[in-house]
Amino acid sequence: MRLRHTIGFSLALLVMSSGAMTKPALADDHTQRVKKPHLSETKAKAAKLAEHRQRLHDRATIRTAAVRHRARRDHRDDDVAETNEDRIIGPVRSIGARVVGTASWYGGRHLGRRTASGERLDAIHDTAAHRSLPLQSLARVTNLSNGRSVIVRVTDRGPVSERLVIDLSPSAAEELDMKQAGIVPVAVEPVALVADASN
């Protein structure tokens, strides 16, 4: 009787220990089965996200190109007299105090939008936003980092930031070689065209 009891007890222990040994194996197997789909789902999500970002980038590129095209077309059609006078101003003279401060440039989502003067901001003409200079007036802006200067026409009000004295169009920023820097020290000087002495 004791022998049967001992054998039964031993068998019970054996069954329990084998069950305990199979549980971790089953748990590991379950973890592996769960992990594999999880990794593939993560890769699929990452691929979808990359594809979505690429689509957004492509749309933004197309939108920017469309805005630039529209701006060029509008400036050809506008009745505002601006052709080459933005690039070839002619002789100018200083008519006001020279102000030193910092300048930035604006473009991107602002391209194609109406400015305070009613014109559209574009990437072709040398224009600027200033708080107090009269609209359509001219100003010489000099990049104090490299000595380059450009004559801009004030077509907008700004900048929004009090730390800046002037915001420049993309074309004017290229003339000053400041696009990469973004913000540069400048001198702003109001100017006027010199009257033709031959008249």
C-alpha atoms as a PDB file:
ATOM      1  CA  MET A   1       0.000   0.000   0.000  1.00  0.00           C
ATOM      2  CA  ARG A   2       2.781   2.397   0.870  1.00  0.00           C
ATOM      3  CA  LEU A   3       4.557   1.459  -2.344  1.00  0.00           C
ATOM      4  CA  ARG A   4       1.438   2.280  -4.378  1.00  0.00           C
ATOM      5  CA  HIS A   5       1.042   5.535  -2.513  1.00  0.00           C
ATOM      6  CA  THR A   6       4.711   6.434  -3.163  1.00  0.00           C
ATOM      7  CA  ILE A   7       4.473   5.493  -6.846  1.00  0.00           C
ATOM      8  CA  GLY A   8       1.269   7.508  -7.212  1.00  0.00           C
ATOM      9  CA  PHE A   9       2.840  10.483  -5.491  1.00  0.00           C
ATOM     10  CA  SER A  10       5.945  10.213  -7.721  1.00  0.00           C
ATOM     11  CA  LEU A  11       3.790  10.015 -10.841  1.00  0.00           C
ATOM     12  CA  ALA A  12       1.835  13.062  -9.736  1.00  0.00           C
ATOM     13  CA  LEU A  13       5.078  14.994  -9.192  1.00  0.00           C
ATOM     14  CA  LEU A  14       6.376  13.861 -12.575  1.00  0.00           C
ATOM     15  CA  VAL A  15       3.206  14.991 -14.351  1.00  0.00           C
ATOM     16  CA  MET A  16       3.286  18.340 -12.561  1.00  0.00           C
ATOM     17  CA  SER A  17       6.954  18.957 -13.345  1.00  0.00           C
ATOM     18  CA  SER A  18       6.523  18.018 -17.019  1.00  0.00           C
ATOM     19  CA  GLY A  19       3.536  20.365 -17.222  1.00  0.00           C
ATOM     20  CA  ALA A  20       5.596  23.150 -15.711  1.00  0.00           C
ATOM     21  CA  MET A  21       8.364  22.509 -18.235  1.00  0.00           C
ATOM     22  CA  THR A  22       6.005  22.640 -21.207  1.00  0.00           C
ATOM     23  CA  LYS A  23       4.385  25.937 -20.107  1.00  0.00           C
ATOM     24  CA  PRO A  24       7.487  28.104 -20.709  1.00  0.00           C
ATOM     25  CA  ALA A  25       8.015  26.357 -24.028  1.00  0.00           C
ATOM     26  CA  LEU A  26       4.424  27.119 -24.985  1.00  0.00           C
ATOM     27  CA  ALA A  27       4.814  30.680 -23.729  1.00  0.00           C
ATOM     28  CA  ASP A  28       7.986  31.115 -25.818  1.00  0.00           C
ATOM     29  CA  ASP A  29       6.249  29.631 -28.819  1.00  0.00           C
ATOM     30  CA  HIS A  30       3.285  32.001 -28.315  1.00  0.00           C
ATOM     31  CA  THR A  31       5.620  35.008 -27.972  1.00  0.00           C
ATOM     32  CA  GLN A  32       7.408  34.074 -31.175  1.00  0.00           C
ATOM     33  CA  ARG A  33       4.113  33.598 -32.988  1.00  0.00           C
ATOM     34  CA  VAL A  34       2.926  37.034 -31.789  1.00  0.00           C
ATOM     35  CA  LYS A  35       6.213  38.838 -32.483  1.00  0.00           C
ATOM     36  CA  LYS A  36       6.481  37.860 -36.134  1.00  0.00           C
ATOM     37  CA  PRO A  37       3.238  39.498 -37.274  1.00  0.00           C
ATOM     38  CA  HIS A  38       3.999  42.478 -35.001  1.00  0.00           C
ATOM     39  CA  LEU A  39       7.364  43.097 -36.721  1.00  0.00           C
ATOM     40  CA  SER A  40       5.844  42.808 -40.173  1.00  0.00           C
ATOM     41  CA  GLU A  41       3.035  45.164 -39.156  1.00  0.00           C
ATOM     42  CA  THR A  42       5.613  47.681 -37.906  1.00  0.00           C
ATOM     43  CA  LYS A  43       7.499  47.475 -41.201  1.00  0.00           C
ATOM     44  CA  ALA A  44       4.272  47.868 -43.145  1.00  0.00           C
ATOM     45  CA  LYS A  45       3.314  50.914 -41.054  1.00  0.00           C
ATOM     46  CA  ALA A  46       6.768  52.440 -41.554  1.00  0.00           C
ATOM     47  CA  ALA A  47       6.516  51.869 -45.318  1.00  0.00           C
ATOM     48  CA  LYS A  48       3.041  53.464 -45.399  1.00  0.00           C
ATOM     49  CA  LEU A  49       4.291  56.437 -43.371  1.00  0.00           C
ATOM     50  CA  ALA A  50       7.277  56.912 -45.707  1.00  0.00           C
ATOM     51  CA  GLU A  51       4.966  56.713 -48.723  1.00  0.00           C
ATOM     52  CA  HIS A  52       2.582  59.249 -47.140  1.00  0.00           C
ATOM     53  CA  ARG A  53       5.459  61.652 -46.427  1.00  0.00           C
ATOM     54  CA  GLN A  54       6.704  61.306 -50.002  1.00  0.00           C
ATOM     55  CA  ARG A  55       3.213  62.090 -51.322  1.00  0.00           C
ATOM     56  CA  LEU A  56       3.031  65.202 -49.092  1.00  0.00           C
ATOM     57  CA  HIS A  57       6.482  66.303 -50.285  1.00  0.00           C
ATOM     58  CA  ASP A  58       5.476  65.797 -53.938  1.00  0.00           C
ATOM     59  CA  ARG A  59       2.263  67.784 -53.405  1.00  0.00           C
ATOM     60  CA  ALA A  60       4.176  70.620 -51.716  1.00  0.00           C
ATOM     61  CA  THR A  61       6.672  70.704 -54.596  1.00  0.00           C
ATOM     62  CA  ILE A  62       3.874  70.818 -57.169  1.00  0.00           C
ATOM     63  CA  ARG A  63       2.040  73.503 -55.152  1.00  0.00           C
ATOM     64  CA  THR A  64       5.181  75.666 -54.899  1.00  0.00           C
ATOM     65  CA  ALA A  65       5.818  75.326 -58.639  1.00  0.00           C
ATOM     66  CA  ALA A  66       2.191  76.232 -59.355  1.00  0.00           C
ATOM     67  CA  VAL A  67       2.378  79.288 -57.074  1.00  0.00           C
ATOM     68  CA  ARG A  68       5.562  80.476 -58.789  1.00  0.00           C
ATOM     69  CA  HIS A  69       4.012  79.953 -62.216  1.00  0.00           C
ATOM     70  CA  ARG A  70       0.870  81.829 -61.156  1.00  0.00           C
ATOM     71  CA  ALA A  71       2.971  84.664 -59.710  1.00  0.00           C
ATOM     72  CA  ARG A  72       4.913  85.010 -62.972  1.00  0.00           C
ATOM     73  CA  ARG A  73       1.679  84.980 -64.979  1.00  0.00           C
ATOM     74  CA  ASP A  74      -0.021  87.508 -62.682  1.00  0.00           C
ATOM     75  CA  HIS A  75       2.935  89.859 -62.864  1.00  0.00           C
ATOM     76  CA  ARG A  76       2.858  89.677 -66.642  1.00  0.00           C
ATOM     77  CA  ASP A  77      -0.871  90.457 -66.600  1.00  0.00           C
ATOM     78  CA  ASP A  78      -0.938  93.010 -63.772  1.00  0.00           C
ATOM     79  CA  ASP A  79      -1.413  96.632 -64.757  1.00  0.00           C
ATOM     80  CA  VAL A  80       1.223  97.651 -62.176  1.00  0.00           C
ATOM     81  CA  ALA A  81       4.244  98.946 -64.069  1.00  0.00           C
ATOM     82  CA  GLU A  82       7.079  96.725 -62.951  1.00  0.00           C
ATOM     83  CA  THR A  83       9.078  94.931 -65.687  1.00  0.00           C
ATOM     84  CA  ASN A  84      12.816  95.561 -65.532  1.00  0.00           C
ATOM     85  CA  GLU A  85      12.597  98.575 -63.238  1.00  0.00           C
ATOM     86  CA  ASP A  86      12.964  96.275 -60.232  1.00  0.00           C
ATOM     87  CA  ARG A  87      16.337  95.050 -61.472  1.00  0.00           C
ATOM     88  CA  ILE A  88      17.620  98.115 -63.336  1.00  0.00           C
ATOM     89  CA  ILE A  89      16.630 101.002 -61.102  1.00  0.00           C
ATOM     90  CA  GLY A  90      19.070 103.617 -62.347  1.00  0.00           C
ATOM     91  CA  PRO A  91      20.948 106.197 -60.298  1.00  0.00           C
ATOM     92  CA  VAL A  92      19.532 106.787 -56.828  1.00  0.00           C
ATOM     93  CA  ARG A  93      20.224 109.198 -53.985  1.00  0.00           C
ATOM     94  CA  SER A  94      19.758 108.772 -50.258  1.00  0.00           C
ATOM     95  CA  ILE A  95      16.696 110.580 -48.869  1.00  0.00           C
ATOM     96  CA  GLY A  96      16.583 109.410 -45.256  1.00  0.00           C
ATOM     97  CA  ALA A  97      18.392 108.070 -42.230  1.00  0.00           C
ATOM     98  CA  ARG A  98      20.312 104.820 -42.468  1.00  0.00           C
ATOM     99  CA  VAL A  99      18.964 102.222 -40.024  1.00  0.00           C
ATOM    100  CA  VAL A 100      21.036  99.223 -38.931  1.00  0.00           C
ATOM    101  CA  GLY A 101      19.337  96.052 -37.726  1.00  0.00           C
ATOM    102  CA  THR A 102      18.584  92.499 -38.814  1.00  0.00           C
ATOM    103  CA  ALA A 103      16.682  91.247 -41.837  1.00  0.00           C
ATOM    104  CA  SER A 104      15.027  87.999 -42.809  1.00  0.00           C
ATOM    105  CA  TRP A 105      13.323  86.857 -46.000  1.00  0.00           C
ATOM    106  CA  TYR A 106       9.913  85.374 -46.595  1.00  0.00           C
ATOM    107  CA  GLY A 107       8.524  83.124 -49.295  1.00  0.00           C
ATOM    108  CA  GLY A 108       7.190  79.564 -49.107  1.00  0.00           C
ATOM    109  CA  ARG A 109       3.484  79.660 -48.254  1.00  0.00           C
ATOM    110  CA  HIS A 110       3.483  83.466 -48.640  1.00  0.00           C
ATOM    111  CA  LEU A 111       4.330  83.270 -52.367  1.00  0.00           C
ATOM    112  CA  GLY A 112       1.350  84.267 -54.472  1.00  0.00           C
ATOM    113  CA  ARG A 113      -0.430  86.028 -51.599  1.00  0.00           C
ATOM    114  CA  ARG A 114      -1.499  89.654 -51.817  1.00  0.00           C
ATOM    115  CA  THR A 115       0.765  92.133 -50.061  1.00  0.00           C
ATOM    116  CA  ALA A 116      -0.322  95.404 -48.404  1.00  0.00           C
ATOM    117  CA  SER A 117       0.138  97.179 -51.751  1.00  0.00           C
ATOM    118  CA  GLY A 118      -2.248  94.780 -53.495  1.00  0.00           C
ATOM    119  CA  GLU A 119       0.504  93.075 -55.489  1.00  0.00           C
ATOM    120  CA  ARG A 120       1.309  89.414 -55.070  1.00  0.00           C
ATOM    121  CA  LEU A 121       4.554  88.316 -53.451  1.00  0.00           C
ATOM    122  CA  ASP A 122       6.710  86.413 -55.930  1.00  0.00           C
ATOM    123  CA  ALA A 123      10.197  84.977 -56.291  1.00  0.00           C
ATOM    124  CA  ILE A 124      11.115  87.249 -59.228  1.00  0.00           C
ATOM    125  CA  HIS A 125      11.077  90.869 -58.053  1.00  0.00           C
ATOM    126  CA  ASP A 126      13.221  92.598 -55.422  1.00  0.00           C
ATOM    127  CA  THR A 127      10.569  93.692 -52.926  1.00  0.00           C
ATOM    128  CA  ALA A 128      10.359  94.031 -49.154  1.00  0.00           C
ATOM    129  CA  ALA A 129       8.084  94.426 -46.167  1.00  0.00           C
ATOM    130  CA  HIS A 130       8.769  97.413 -43.889  1.00  0.00           C
ATOM    131  CA  ARG A 131       6.793  98.914 -41.013  1.00  0.00           C
ATOM    132  CA  SER A 132       7.085 102.624 -41.780  1.00  0.00           C
ATOM    133  CA  LEU A 133       8.568 103.303 -45.226  1.00  0.00           C
ATOM    134  CA  PRO A 134       5.861 104.356 -47.704  1.00  0.00           C
ATOM    135  CA  LEU A 135       4.466 101.645 -49.962  1.00  0.00           C
ATOM    136  CA  GLN A 136       6.081 101.689 -53.435  1.00  0.00           C
ATOM    137  CA  SER A 137       9.073 103.628 -52.062  1.00  0.00           C
ATOM    138  CA  LEU A 138      12.625 102.406 -52.678  1.00  0.00           C
ATOM    139  CA  ALA A 139      15.275 101.394 -50.163  1.00  0.00           C
ATOM    140  CA  ARG A 140      18.850 100.227 -50.425  1.00  0.00           C
ATOM    141  CA  VAL A 141      19.460  97.156 -48.239  1.00  0.00           C
ATOM    142  CA  THR A 142      23.084  96.197 -47.567  1.00  0.00           C
ATOM    143  CA  ASN A 143      24.113  92.864 -46.095  1.00  0.00           C
ATOM    144  CA  LEU A 144      26.713  93.879 -43.506  1.00  0.00           C
ATOM    145  CA  SER A 145      28.141  90.341 -43.457  1.00  0.00           C
ATOM    146  CA  ASN A 146      29.350  90.436 -47.068  1.00  0.00           C
ATOM    147  CA  GLY A 147      28.856  94.026 -48.318  1.00  0.00           C
ATOM    148  CA  ARG A 148      26.336  93.082 -51.024  1.00  0.00           C
ATOM    149  CA  SER A 149      23.412  95.449 -51.545  1.00  0.00           C
ATOM    150  CA  VAL A 150      20.126  95.557 -53.439  1.00  0.00           C
ATOM    151  CA  ILE A 151      17.495  98.206 -54.152  1.00  0.00           C
ATOM    152  CA  VAL A 152      14.077  96.974 -53.074  1.00  0.00           C
ATOM    153  CA  ARG A 153      10.578  98.343 -53.543  1.00  0.00           C
ATOM    154  CA  VAL A 154       8.432  98.369 -50.374  1.00  0.00           C
ATOM    155  CA  THR A 155       5.226  96.497 -51.191  1.00  0.00           C
ATOM    156  CA  ASP A 156       4.216  95.049 -47.843  1.00  0.00           C
ATOM    157  CA  ARG A 157       3.983  95.758 -44.120  1.00  0.00           C
ATOM    158  CA  GLY A 158       6.100  93.849 -41.624  1.00  0.00           C
ATOM    159  CA  PRO A 159       8.100  92.145 -40.332  1.00  0.00           C
ATOM    160  CA  VAL A 160       5.984  90.603 -37.584  1.00  0.00           C
ATOM    161  CA  SER A 161       8.987  90.107 -35.289  1.00  0.00           C
ATOM    162  CA  GLU A 162      10.113  93.244 -33.477  1.00  0.00           C
ATOM    163  CA  ARG A 163      13.736  92.000 -33.688  1.00  0.00           C
ATOM    164  CA  LEU A 164      13.744  92.510 -37.469  1.00  0.00           C
ATOM    165  CA  VAL A 165      13.781  95.797 -39.375  1.00  0.00           C
ATOM    166  CA  ILE A 166      12.849  94.421 -42.816  1.00  0.00           C
ATOM    167  CA  ASP A 167      11.602  91.266 -44.545  1.00  0.00           C
ATOM    168  CA  LEU A 168      12.890  90.620 -48.069  1.00  0.00           C
ATOM    169  CA  SER A 169      11.460  88.740 -51.029  1.00  0.00           C
ATOM    170  CA  PRO A 170      13.261  85.542 -52.151  1.00  0.00           C
ATOM    171  CA  SER A 171      14.810  87.391 -55.107  1.00  0.00           C
ATOM    172  CA  ALA A 172      16.207  90.191 -52.915  1.00  0.00           C
ATOM    173  CA  ALA A 173      17.502  87.599 -50.442  1.00  0.00           C
ATOM    174  CA  GLU A 174      19.371  85.881 -53.279  1.00  0.00           C
ATOM    175  CA  GLU A 175      20.910  89.202 -54.321  1.00  0.00           C
ATOM    176  CA  LEU A 176      22.193  89.657 -50.760  1.00  0.00           C
ATOM    177  CA  ASP A 177      23.354  86.005 -50.564  1.00  0.00           C
ATOM    178  CA  MET A 178      21.448  85.525 -47.303  1.00  0.00           C
ATOM    179  CA  LYS A 179      19.034  82.704 -48.096  1.00  0.00           C
ATOM    180  CA  GLN A 180      21.061  80.057 -46.337  1.00  0.00           C
ATOM    181  CA  ALA A 181      21.732  82.183 -43.250  1.00  0.00           C
ATOM    182  CA  GLY A 182      18.080  83.264 -43.040  1.00  0.00           C
ATOM    183  CA  ILE A 183      18.715  86.253 -40.757  1.00  0.00           C
ATOM    184  CA  VAL A 184      21.593  88.691 -41.339  1.00  0.00           C
ATOM    185  CA  PRO A 185      22.697  92.132 -40.103  1.00  0.00           C
ATOM    186  CA  VAL A 186      21.724  94.841 -42.607  1.00  0.00           C
ATOM    187  CA  ALA A 187      21.650  98.563 -43.180  1.00  0.00           C
ATOM    188  CA  VAL A 188      18.419  99.965 -44.645  1.00  0.00           C
ATOM    189  CA  GLU A 189      18.520 103.356 -46.350  1.00  0.00           C
ATOM    190  CA  PRO A 190      15.559 105.046 -48.091  1.00  0.00           C
ATOM    191  CA  VAL A 191      16.491 106.175 -51.617  1.00  0.00           C
ATOM    192  CA  ALA A 192      14.884 107.926 -54.569  1.00  0.00           C
ATOM    193  CA  LEU A 193      15.599 107.915 -58.270  1.00  0.00           C
ATOM    194  CA  VAL A 194      17.833 110.752 -59.430  1.00  0.00           C
ATOM    195  CA  ALA A 195      16.024 112.991 -61.911  1.00  0.00           C
ATOM    196  CA  ASP A 196      17.458 112.820 -65.443  1.00  0.00           C
ATOM    197  CA  ALA A 197      19.630 115.930 -65.904  1.00  0.00           C
ATOM    198  CA  SER A 198      19.049 115.966 -69.671  1.00  0.00           C
ATOM    199  CA  ASN A 199      15.317 116.807 -69.248  1.00  0.00           C
END
